[in-house]
């Protein structure tokens, strides 16, 4: 592959911006097209989550393009979950027993702007906004765009097209509509939707509740979470059923119903939400869905990455991190296979990456149920307490499922899922059977958990091979 090949990247969100930046650093000529306005000129959130959890896998992508120092100024560390019960009691549950492991709250907009500003530093990278992709010729790496303002069409031909245009991907749609090859696609929605709300800064400009935590109000079917922002506010997200439930978006249809629901379910949150009814009535309800598809590339000319290839629900805080890790893996595939052509790079990328993105999609749905239903359960809290002790006292010998997924970037999501699920099953079985009594030393408890985990992994491996 010649260094000055022309790459057309569709989508200048988080994944597309990082991808464009890395490809420019590798010496390619980049055209980056985005249907939305330039974030730096127009304030817009369109009801999307305005802050995100950045953790080790995402930071790996940031390090790849040399922006780790810049991104730290945008981050608020969150060391664990702060659980709020219906009696307004709180319980802090650390994410890890290792003190250097935490996740970061970061503004989607601020991070995207940082990446776009870095992209502007490369003369070989041109970004164009307000350009909606209307068609992709997969075989010839040609795409057509319509300008939002002038309605004029333009067609761009490149050596390859990389689609990083999100869950509603126009590139993926072109693959789906193509009659020239078989394309599998699934889109599964939860019965829940989400709505963004706010804890504004306190009157003194500070935070209304603990700053360095991800706050969760788990209520079985319903849940709110809150992440801190740099200005002293929190972005609050409500997750409830669309309809056909005692409390749902359909039933919360008046100021009185909204206020009654929040007062009953989240009594310590409602004093922090002076604009609750106004925000609730004005902000849209967003869907929660998982997208899986195959193949990710077509004709050795077009490939999709990030949410375009594997959109997931947000309950592991890994959507952005998985997309950034895509860029890292794609970069590794270029190192290994660039001399064999783009088709080889694309196929090896999917072969390497898809088992992991399928795994994090499944883990995210698991965590949805864990966060709203299980985090308040005494046995779950006992398990988390024990795991935190293991990680603190034996930091190289034990990683919880959450830590394997979030902090252990050396292994893929699939391996993290397999081992993490086995560990969870082992600990819960041992606790339920009374086999981890207080009389046992912590080391002895760890040995029991490790042996039970290996037994489960062994049995699962045998069952999988039958």
Protein backbone atom coordinates (compact mmCIF):
# COMPACT_ATOMS: atom_id res chain seq x y z
CA UNK A 1 0.00 0.00 0.00
CA UNK A 2 1.37 3.36 -1.03
CA UNK A 3 1.58 5.92 1.76
CA UNK A 4 -0.30 8.61 -0.13
CA UNK A 5 -3.37 6.53 -0.77
CA UNK A 6 -6.59 8.48 -0.30
CA UNK A 7 -8.91 7.30 2.50
CA UNK A 8 -12.47 8.60 2.75
CA UNK A 9 -13.74 8.36 6.33
CA UNK A 10 -17.46 8.88 6.87
CA UNK A 11 -18.39 10.11 10.35
CA UNK A 12 -16.43 12.62 12.45
CA UNK A 13 -17.75 11.57 15.83
CA UNK A 14 -15.47 10.07 18.44
CA UNK A 15 -14.43 6.94 16.53
CA UNK A 16 -14.16 8.66 13.14
CA UNK A 17 -12.11 11.56 14.50
CA UNK A 18 -9.66 9.25 16.27
CA UNK A 19 -9.43 7.00 13.22
CA UNK A 20 -8.83 9.93 10.86
CA UNK A 21 -6.15 11.32 13.14
CA UNK A 22 -4.32 7.98 13.33
CA UNK A 23 -4.53 7.38 9.57
CA UNK A 24 -3.16 10.90 8.94
CA UNK A 25 -0.30 10.13 11.33
CA UNK A 26 0.45 7.04 9.24
CA UNK A 27 0.84 9.26 6.17
CA UNK A 28 -2.42 8.74 4.30
CA UNK A 29 -4.41 11.49 2.61
CA UNK A 30 -7.69 11.74 4.55
CA UNK A 31 -11.07 13.20 3.67
CA UNK A 32 -13.35 13.16 6.73
CA UNK A 33 -17.07 13.79 6.10
CA UNK A 34 -19.63 14.55 8.82
CA UNK A 35 -23.39 15.10 8.48
CA UNK A 36 -23.66 17.28 11.61
CA UNK A 37 -22.40 20.86 11.99
CA UNK A 38 -18.94 21.55 13.40
CA UNK A 39 -19.21 21.04 17.17
CA UNK A 40 -16.83 23.94 17.66
CA UNK A 41 -19.24 26.36 15.99
CA UNK A 42 -22.63 25.07 17.16
CA UNK A 43 -23.73 23.83 20.58
CA UNK A 44 -25.67 20.60 20.11
CA UNK A 45 -26.35 17.46 22.05
CA UNK A 46 -29.60 16.32 20.41
CA UNK A 47 -30.59 14.42 23.53
CA UNK A 48 -27.53 12.20 23.37
CA UNK A 49 -25.54 11.28 26.43
CA UNK A 50 -23.36 14.30 27.04
CA UNK A 51 -20.81 12.62 29.24
CA UNK A 52 -19.21 9.24 29.00
CA UNK A 53 -16.97 6.89 30.94
CA UNK A 54 -13.43 6.78 29.57
CA UNK A 55 -11.39 3.83 30.84
CA UNK A 56 -8.23 1.90 30.02
CA UNK A 57 -9.25 0.49 26.62
CA UNK A 58 -10.27 3.93 25.38
CA UNK A 59 -7.16 5.54 26.83
CA UNK A 60 -5.11 3.04 24.80
CA UNK A 61 -6.53 4.69 21.67
CA UNK A 62 -5.84 8.17 23.02
CA UNK A 63 -2.23 7.16 23.78
CA UNK A 64 -1.85 5.79 20.25
CA UNK A 65 -2.35 9.28 18.80
CA UNK A 66 -0.29 11.00 21.52
CA UNK A 67 -3.09 12.90 23.27
CA UNK A 68 -3.05 11.36 26.75
CA UNK A 69 -1.80 14.54 28.43
CA UNK A 70 -4.45 16.67 26.72
CA UNK A 71 -7.33 14.37 27.62
CA UNK A 72 -6.49 14.29 31.34
CA UNK A 73 -7.56 17.92 31.68
CA UNK A 74 -11.06 16.91 30.53
CA UNK A 75 -11.50 13.99 32.95
CA UNK A 76 -13.07 13.60 36.39
CA UNK A 77 -11.92 10.34 38.06
CA UNK A 78 -14.71 8.11 39.42
CA UNK A 79 -13.34 5.57 41.90
CA UNK A 80 -16.51 3.55 42.33
CA UNK A 81 -20.29 3.38 42.43
CA UNK A 82 -22.26 5.34 45.02
CA UNK A 83 -25.47 3.38 45.58
CA UNK A 84 -28.54 5.29 46.82
CA UNK A 85 -31.42 3.32 48.38
CA UNK A 86 -35.07 4.40 48.78
CA UNK A 87 -34.41 5.51 52.36
CA UNK A 88 -31.73 7.93 51.07
CA UNK A 89 -28.90 5.83 52.53
CA UNK A 90 -25.71 5.61 50.46
CA UNK A 91 -23.13 2.86 50.05
CA UNK A 92 -19.83 3.41 48.22
CA UNK A 93 -18.63 0.39 46.24
CA UNK A 94 -15.10 0.79 44.80
CA UNK A 95 -14.58 -0.35 41.22
CA UNK A 96 -11.37 -2.06 42.23
CA UNK A 97 -9.26 -2.88 45.25
CA UNK A 98 -6.27 -1.49 43.34
CA UNK A 99 -6.05 2.22 44.13
CA UNK A 100 -4.74 3.22 40.70
CA UNK A 101 -7.80 1.82 38.86
CA UNK A 102 -10.71 4.14 38.18
CA UNK A 103 -12.88 5.29 35.30
CA UNK A 104 -13.20 8.87 34.08
CA UNK A 105 -16.24 11.01 33.42
CA UNK A 106 -15.66 13.05 30.27
CA UNK A 107 -17.81 15.29 28.09
CA UNK A 108 -18.57 13.74 24.70
CA UNK A 109 -18.46 17.20 23.14
CA UNK A 110 -15.18 18.25 24.78
CA UNK A 111 -13.49 15.00 23.75
CA UNK A 112 -14.76 15.25 20.17
CA UNK A 113 -13.55 18.87 19.94
CA UNK A 114 -10.11 17.86 21.26
CA UNK A 115 -9.83 15.19 18.54
CA UNK A 116 -11.02 17.56 15.79
CA UNK A 117 -8.54 20.22 16.90
CA UNK A 118 -5.75 17.64 16.79
CA UNK A 119 -6.91 16.59 13.31
CA UNK A 120 -6.63 20.19 12.12
CA UNK A 121 -2.89 20.03 12.77
CA UNK A 122 -2.43 17.72 9.72
CA UNK A 123 -2.39 19.29 6.25
CA UNK A 124 -3.23 15.90 4.72
CA UNK A 125 -6.50 15.66 6.68
CA UNK A 126 -9.51 17.66 5.43
CA UNK A 127 -12.77 17.73 7.42
CA UNK A 128 -16.12 18.72 5.89
CA UNK A 129 -19.27 19.26 7.97
CA UNK A 130 -23.02 19.33 7.14
CA UNK A 131 -22.44 16.59 4.55
CA UNK A 132 -24.98 13.76 4.75
CA UNK A 133 -23.97 10.53 3.04
CA UNK A 134 -26.79 9.42 0.75
CA UNK A 135 -25.19 6.55 -1.14
CA UNK A 136 -22.05 4.41 -1.14
CA UNK A 137 -20.76 2.51 -4.16
CA UNK A 138 -19.07 -0.28 -2.22
CA UNK A 139 -17.15 -1.76 -5.15
CA UNK A 140 -15.63 1.50 -6.34
CA UNK A 141 -15.06 3.29 -3.00
CA UNK A 142 -17.28 6.15 -4.11
CA UNK A 143 -19.78 7.98 -1.89
CA UNK A 144 -22.35 10.70 -2.55
CA UNK A 145 -23.08 13.50 -0.08
CA UNK A 146 -25.75 16.19 0.17
CA UNK A 147 -24.91 19.55 1.75
CA UNK A 148 -27.37 20.34 4.57
CA UNK A 149 -27.55 24.05 3.68
CA UNK A 150 -27.23 24.26 -0.11
CA UNK A 151 -28.72 20.81 -0.89
CA UNK A 152 -25.96 20.41 -3.49
CA UNK A 153 -24.67 16.91 -4.13
CA UNK A 154 -21.04 15.90 -4.48
CA UNK A 155 -19.43 12.56 -5.17
CA UNK A 156 -16.07 11.56 -3.73
CA UNK A 157 -13.96 8.63 -4.88
CA UNK A 158 -11.10 7.32 -2.77
CA UNK A 159 -8.89 4.26 -2.62
CA UNK A 160 -10.92 2.93 0.30
CA UNK A 161 -13.88 4.03 2.45
CA UNK A 162 -13.95 3.59 6.23
CA UNK A 163 -17.41 3.96 7.77
CA UNK A 164 -17.39 5.28 11.33
CA UNK A 165 -20.82 6.88 11.06
CA UNK A 166 -22.45 5.45 14.15
CA UNK A 167 -25.43 3.25 14.94
CA UNK A 168 -27.46 4.75 12.09
CA UNK A 169 -24.61 4.16 9.63
CA UNK A 170 -25.24 5.06 5.98
CA UNK A 171 -22.27 2.88 5.01
CA UNK A 172 -23.75 -0.14 6.78
CA UNK A 173 -27.12 0.58 5.15
CA UNK A 174 -25.45 0.44 1.73
CA UNK A 175 -24.00 -2.96 2.67
CA UNK A 176 -27.42 -4.14 3.84
CA UNK A 177 -29.07 -2.97 0.61
CA UNK A 178 -26.41 -4.49 -1.65
CA UNK A 179 -27.47 -7.49 -3.72
CA UNK A 180 -23.92 -8.46 -4.56
CA UNK A 181 -22.98 -10.16 -1.32
CA UNK A 182 -24.63 -11.68 1.75
CA UNK A 183 -24.92 -9.33 4.71
CA UNK A 184 -26.32 -10.35 8.11
CA UNK A 185 -27.76 -7.71 10.40
CA UNK A 186 -29.57 -7.73 13.76
CA UNK A 187 -30.94 -4.89 15.86
CA UNK A 188 -32.31 -5.75 19.30
CA UNK A 189 -33.97 -3.14 21.49
CA UNK A 190 -34.53 -3.26 25.23
CA UNK A 191 -38.04 -2.51 26.49
CA UNK A 192 -36.50 0.44 28.33
CA UNK A 193 -35.63 3.87 27.00
CA UNK A 194 -33.59 6.69 28.50
CA UNK A 195 -33.96 10.40 29.17
CA UNK A 196 -31.24 12.90 30.10
CA UNK A 197 -31.78 15.16 33.13
CA UNK A 198 -29.48 17.35 35.25
CA UNK A 199 -28.26 18.09 38.75
CA UNK A 200 -27.13 21.71 38.26
CA UNK A 201 -24.15 23.02 40.25
CA UNK A 202 -24.84 23.97 43.86
CA UNK A 203 -25.47 27.63 44.59
CA UNK A 204 -21.83 28.01 45.67
CA UNK A 205 -20.72 26.52 42.33
CA UNK A 206 -19.70 23.18 43.82
CA UNK A 207 -21.14 19.69 43.47
CA UNK A 208 -24.46 18.73 45.07
CA UNK A 209 -23.23 15.21 45.88
CA UNK A 210 -19.96 13.24 45.89
CA UNK A 211 -17.92 14.29 42.85
CA UNK A 212 -15.63 11.29 42.32
CA UNK A 213 -18.23 8.56 41.94
CA UNK A 214 -20.74 7.21 39.46
CA UNK A 215 -24.05 7.49 41.31
CA UNK A 216 -26.72 4.80 40.90
CA UNK A 217 -30.27 4.67 42.22
CA UNK A 218 -31.21 0.99 41.50
CA UNK A 219 -34.93 0.25 41.77
CA UNK A 220 -35.54 -3.11 40.12
CA UNK A 221 -37.28 -2.13 36.88
CA UNK A 222 -36.18 1.50 37.05
CA UNK A 223 -32.88 3.29 37.60
CA UNK A 224 -31.20 6.65 37.44
CA UNK A 225 -27.46 7.21 37.18
CA UNK A 226 -25.46 10.43 37.51
CA UNK A 227 -21.99 11.32 36.21
CA UNK A 228 -20.08 14.48 37.22
CA UNK A 229 -19.21 17.31 34.84
CA UNK A 230 -16.34 19.79 35.16
CA UNK A 231 -18.72 22.73 35.79
CA UNK A 232 -20.12 21.25 39.03
CA UNK A 233 -23.20 19.72 37.43
CA UNK A 234 -24.11 16.06 36.96
CA UNK A 235 -25.61 14.49 33.88
CA UNK A 236 -28.46 12.31 35.14
CA UNK A 237 -29.97 9.54 33.03
CA UNK A 238 -33.34 7.96 33.77
CA UNK A 239 -33.92 4.40 32.52
CA UNK A 240 -37.52 3.11 32.62
CA UNK A 241 -39.89 1.06 30.49
CA UNK A 242 -41.46 2.68 27.47
CA UNK A 243 -44.90 1.31 28.46
CA UNK A 244 -46.74 -1.64 30.04
CA UNK A 245 -45.17 -1.19 33.48
CA UNK A 246 -46.32 0.44 36.74
CA UNK A 247 -44.00 3.36 35.97
CA UNK A 248 -43.13 4.09 32.36
CA UNK A 249 -42.53 6.91 29.92
CA UNK A 250 -46.14 6.39 28.82
CA UNK A 251 -47.53 6.80 32.35
CA UNK A 252 -45.40 9.79 33.41
CA UNK A 253 -47.58 12.13 31.38
CA UNK A 254 -48.13 15.10 33.71
CA UNK A 255 -46.11 17.29 36.09
CA UNK A 256 -47.89 15.66 39.03
CA UNK A 257 -47.07 12.13 37.82
CA UNK A 258 -43.43 13.04 37.18
CA UNK A 259 -42.99 14.63 40.61
CA UNK A 260 -44.77 11.78 42.42
CA UNK A 261 -42.62 9.14 40.71
CA UNK A 262 -39.31 10.83 41.51
CA UNK A 263 -40.37 11.64 45.08
CA UNK A 264 -41.37 8.01 45.67
CA UNK A 265 -38.45 6.31 43.91
CA UNK A 266 -35.54 8.75 44.27
CA UNK A 267 -36.24 10.88 47.37
CA UNK A 268 -32.66 12.09 47.86
CA UNK A 269 -32.25 12.96 44.17
CA UNK A 270 -35.29 15.17 43.70
CA UNK A 271 -33.98 18.07 45.87
CA UNK A 272 -30.98 18.20 43.51
CA UNK A 273 -33.24 18.61 40.44
CA UNK A 274 -34.87 22.08 40.58
CA UNK A 275 -35.73 21.95 36.85
CA UNK A 276 -36.95 18.33 36.88
CA UNK A 277 -40.41 18.79 35.33
CA UNK A 278 -39.21 21.27 32.71
CA UNK A 279 -36.28 19.04 31.66
CA UNK A 280 -38.42 15.91 31.70
CA UNK A 281 -41.04 17.44 29.43
CA UNK A 282 -38.52 19.02 27.03
CA UNK A 283 -35.87 16.29 26.65
CA UNK A 284 -36.45 13.40 24.23
CA UNK A 285 -36.65 9.70 25.07
CA UNK A 286 -33.83 7.70 23.47
CA UNK A 287 -33.90 4.00 22.53
CA UNK A 288 -31.47 1.40 23.87
CA UNK A 289 -30.39 -1.15 21.31
CA UNK A 290 -27.68 -3.60 20.26
CA UNK A 291 -26.54 -3.86 16.64
CA UNK A 292 -24.54 -6.79 15.33
CA UNK A 293 -23.67 -7.44 11.69
CA UNK A 294 -21.41 -9.42 9.36
CA UNK A 295 -19.27 -8.94 7.33
CA UNK A 296 -17.77 -5.59 8.27
CA UNK A 297 -16.14 -5.08 4.87
CA UNK A 298 -17.08 -5.30 1.20
CA UNK A 299 -14.99 -5.97 -1.91
CA UNK A 300 -11.73 -4.96 -0.22
CA UNK A 301 -12.82 -1.33 -0.69
CA UNK A 302 -15.08 -0.49 2.25
CA UNK A 303 -14.97 -1.31 5.98
CA UNK A 304 -17.05 -0.23 9.00
CA UNK A 305 -15.79 0.36 12.54
CA UNK A 306 -17.16 1.50 15.91
CA UNK A 307 -20.91 1.77 16.45
CA UNK A 308 -21.46 1.36 12.70
CA UNK A 309 -20.28 -2.25 13.13
CA UNK A 310 -21.33 -3.01 16.71
CA UNK A 311 -23.55 -0.56 18.61
CA UNK A 312 -24.17 -1.57 22.23
CA UNK A 313 -26.26 -0.43 25.20
CA UNK A 314 -24.39 1.91 27.58
CA UNK A 315 -24.43 -0.15 30.78
CA UNK A 316 -20.78 -1.16 30.88
CA UNK A 317 -19.54 2.29 29.92
CA UNK A 318 -17.68 0.62 27.05
CA UNK A 319 -19.28 1.93 23.83
CA UNK A 320 -16.71 4.66 23.23
CA UNK A 321 -13.92 2.53 24.73
CA UNK A 322 -14.72 -0.35 22.37
CA UNK A 323 -14.74 2.02 19.38
CA UNK A 324 -11.38 3.51 20.38
CA UNK A 325 -9.98 0.00 20.85
CA UNK A 326 -11.20 -0.74 17.30
CA UNK A 327 -8.81 1.94 16.08
CA UNK A 328 -5.95 0.36 18.04
CA UNK A 329 -6.69 -3.10 16.60
CA UNK A 330 -7.11 -1.69 13.07
CA UNK A 331 -3.71 -0.01 13.46
CA UNK A 332 -2.19 -3.34 14.55
CA UNK A 333 -3.70 -5.05 11.49
CA UNK A 334 -2.09 -2.41 9.27
CA UNK A 335 1.27 -3.13 10.88
CA UNK A 336 0.85 -6.86 10.32
CA UNK A 337 -0.88 -7.10 6.94
CA UNK A 338 -0.57 -3.83 5.00
CA UNK A 339 1.79 -5.44 2.49
CA UNK A 340 -0.99 -7.92 1.57
CA UNK A 341 -3.59 -5.32 0.62
CA UNK A 342 -6.67 -3.73 2.13
CA UNK A 343 -8.93 -6.77 1.78
CA UNK A 344 -6.56 -8.80 3.96
CA UNK A 345 -6.38 -5.98 6.53
CA UNK A 346 -10.18 -5.70 6.67
CA UNK A 347 -10.76 -9.43 7.02
CA UNK A 348 -8.11 -9.89 9.71
CA UNK A 349 -9.52 -6.88 11.56
CA UNK A 350 -12.99 -8.43 11.70
CA UNK A 351 -11.65 -11.91 12.47
CA UNK A 352 -9.65 -10.50 15.39
CA UNK A 353 -12.20 -8.02 16.66
CA UNK A 354 -15.74 -9.33 16.18
CA UNK A 355 -15.64 -12.03 18.91
CA UNK A 356 -14.68 -9.28 21.38
CA UNK A 357 -17.33 -6.79 20.24
CA UNK A 358 -20.00 -9.51 20.38
CA UNK A 359 -18.84 -10.23 23.94
CA UNK A 360 -19.04 -6.62 25.15
CA UNK A 361 -22.50 -6.33 23.59
CA UNK A 362 -23.65 -9.28 25.68
CA UNK A 363 -21.85 -8.01 28.79
CA UNK A 364 -23.53 -4.61 28.47
CA UNK A 365 -26.99 -6.20 28.55
CA UNK A 366 -25.90 -8.32 31.54
CA UNK A 367 -24.79 -5.18 33.36
CA UNK A 368 -28.11 -3.47 32.63
CA UNK A 369 -29.84 -6.08 34.78
CA UNK A 370 -27.04 -6.11 37.35
CA UNK A 371 -27.12 -2.34 37.86
CA UNK A 372 -30.88 -1.92 38.27
CA UNK A 373 -31.70 -5.20 40.01
CA UNK A 374 -28.68 -6.78 41.68
CA UNK A 375 -26.47 -3.97 43.01
CA UNK A 376 -28.85 -3.50 45.96
CA UNK A 377 -28.94 -7.26 46.79
CA UNK A 378 -27.05 -8.21 49.99
CA UNK A 379 -25.29 -11.19 48.37
CA UNK A 380 -24.13 -9.04 45.44
CA UNK A 381 -22.74 -6.49 47.89
CA UNK A 382 -21.02 -9.27 49.85
CA UNK A 383 -19.47 -10.54 46.61
CA UNK A 384 -18.24 -7.06 45.65
CA UNK A 385 -16.78 -6.52 49.14
CA UNK A 386 -14.89 -9.81 48.93
CA UNK A 387 -13.62 -9.07 45.41
CA UNK A 388 -12.40 -5.63 46.48
CA UNK A 389 -10.47 -7.28 49.34
CA UNK A 390 -8.96 -9.81 46.92
CA UNK A 391 -7.83 -7.03 44.56
CA UNK A 392 -6.40 -4.95 47.39
CA UNK A 393 -4.45 -7.76 49.07
CA UNK A 394 -3.61 -9.84 45.96
CA UNK A 395 -3.53 -7.26 43.14
CA UNK A 396 -1.77 -9.51 40.63
CA UNK A 397 -3.75 -12.67 41.45
CA UNK A 398 -7.35 -11.53 41.13
CA UNK A 399 -9.38 -9.33 38.79
CA UNK A 400 -13.17 -9.13 39.13
CA UNK A 401 -15.27 -9.39 35.98
CA UNK A 402 -15.67 -5.61 36.00
CA UNK A 403 -11.91 -5.12 36.35
CA UNK A 404 -11.16 -7.65 33.59
CA UNK A 405 -13.46 -5.75 31.24
CA UNK A 406 -12.65 -2.20 32.28
CA UNK A 407 -9.04 -2.14 33.49
CA UNK A 408 -7.27 -5.16 31.96
CA UNK A 409 -6.59 -3.95 28.43
CA UNK A 410 -4.13 -6.81 27.87
CA UNK A 411 -6.98 -9.29 27.30
CA UNK A 412 -9.94 -9.09 24.94
CA UNK A 413 -13.56 -8.64 25.92
CA UNK A 414 -14.36 -12.28 25.10
CA UNK A 415 -11.75 -13.66 27.48
CA UNK A 416 -12.83 -11.12 30.11
CA UNK A 417 -16.45 -12.23 29.73
CA UNK A 418 -15.67 -15.95 29.90
CA UNK A 419 -13.44 -15.73 32.97
CA UNK A 420 -15.52 -13.03 34.65
CA UNK A 421 -18.77 -14.97 34.37
CA UNK A 422 -17.09 -18.10 35.75
CA UNK A 423 -15.68 -16.14 38.71
CA UNK A 424 -19.08 -14.61 39.48
CA UNK A 425 -20.73 -18.02 39.40
CA UNK A 426 -17.99 -19.49 41.60
CA UNK A 427 -18.20 -16.79 44.28
CA UNK A 428 -22.00 -16.69 44.41
CA UNK A 429 -22.19 -20.50 44.64
CA UNK A 430 -19.60 -20.58 47.43
CA UNK A 431 -21.34 -17.78 49.35
CA UNK A 432 -24.74 -19.41 48.93
CA UNK A 433 -23.39 -22.77 50.14
CA UNK A 434 -21.72 -21.15 53.17
CA UNK A 435 -18.26 -22.24 52.03
CA UNK A 436 -16.57 -18.85 52.56
CA UNK A 437 -17.03 -18.39 56.33
CA UNK A 438 -15.38 -15.56 58.26
CA UNK A 439 -13.13 -18.12 59.94
CA UNK A 440 -11.29 -18.68 56.65
CA UNK A 441 -8.31 -16.47 55.87
CA UNK A 442 -8.59 -14.19 52.85
CA UNK A 443 -5.89 -16.24 51.09
CA UNK A 444 -7.85 -19.45 51.70
CA UNK A 445 -11.01 -17.83 50.33
CA UNK A 446 -9.12 -16.75 47.21
CA UNK A 447 -7.81 -20.30 46.66
CA UNK A 448 -11.37 -21.67 46.93
CA UNK A 449 -12.67 -19.11 44.44
CA UNK A 450 -9.81 -19.76 42.01
CA UNK A 451 -10.32 -23.55 42.14
CA UNK A 452 -14.09 -23.25 41.69
CA UNK A 453 -13.55 -20.86 38.78
CA UNK A 454 -11.16 -23.26 37.03
CA UNK A 455 -13.64 -26.12 37.54
CA UNK A 456 -16.42 -24.08 35.92
CA UNK A 457 -14.18 -23.04 33.01
CA UNK A 458 -13.16 -26.68 32.51
CA UNK A 459 -16.78 -27.90 32.54
CA UNK A 460 -17.84 -25.13 30.15
CA UNK A 461 -14.99 -25.97 27.78
CA UNK A 462 -16.02 -29.65 27.71
CA UNK A 463 -19.68 -28.73 27.16
CA UNK A 464 -18.70 -26.37 24.36
CA UNK A 465 -16.76 -29.10 22.55
CA UNK A 466 -19.49 -31.75 22.64
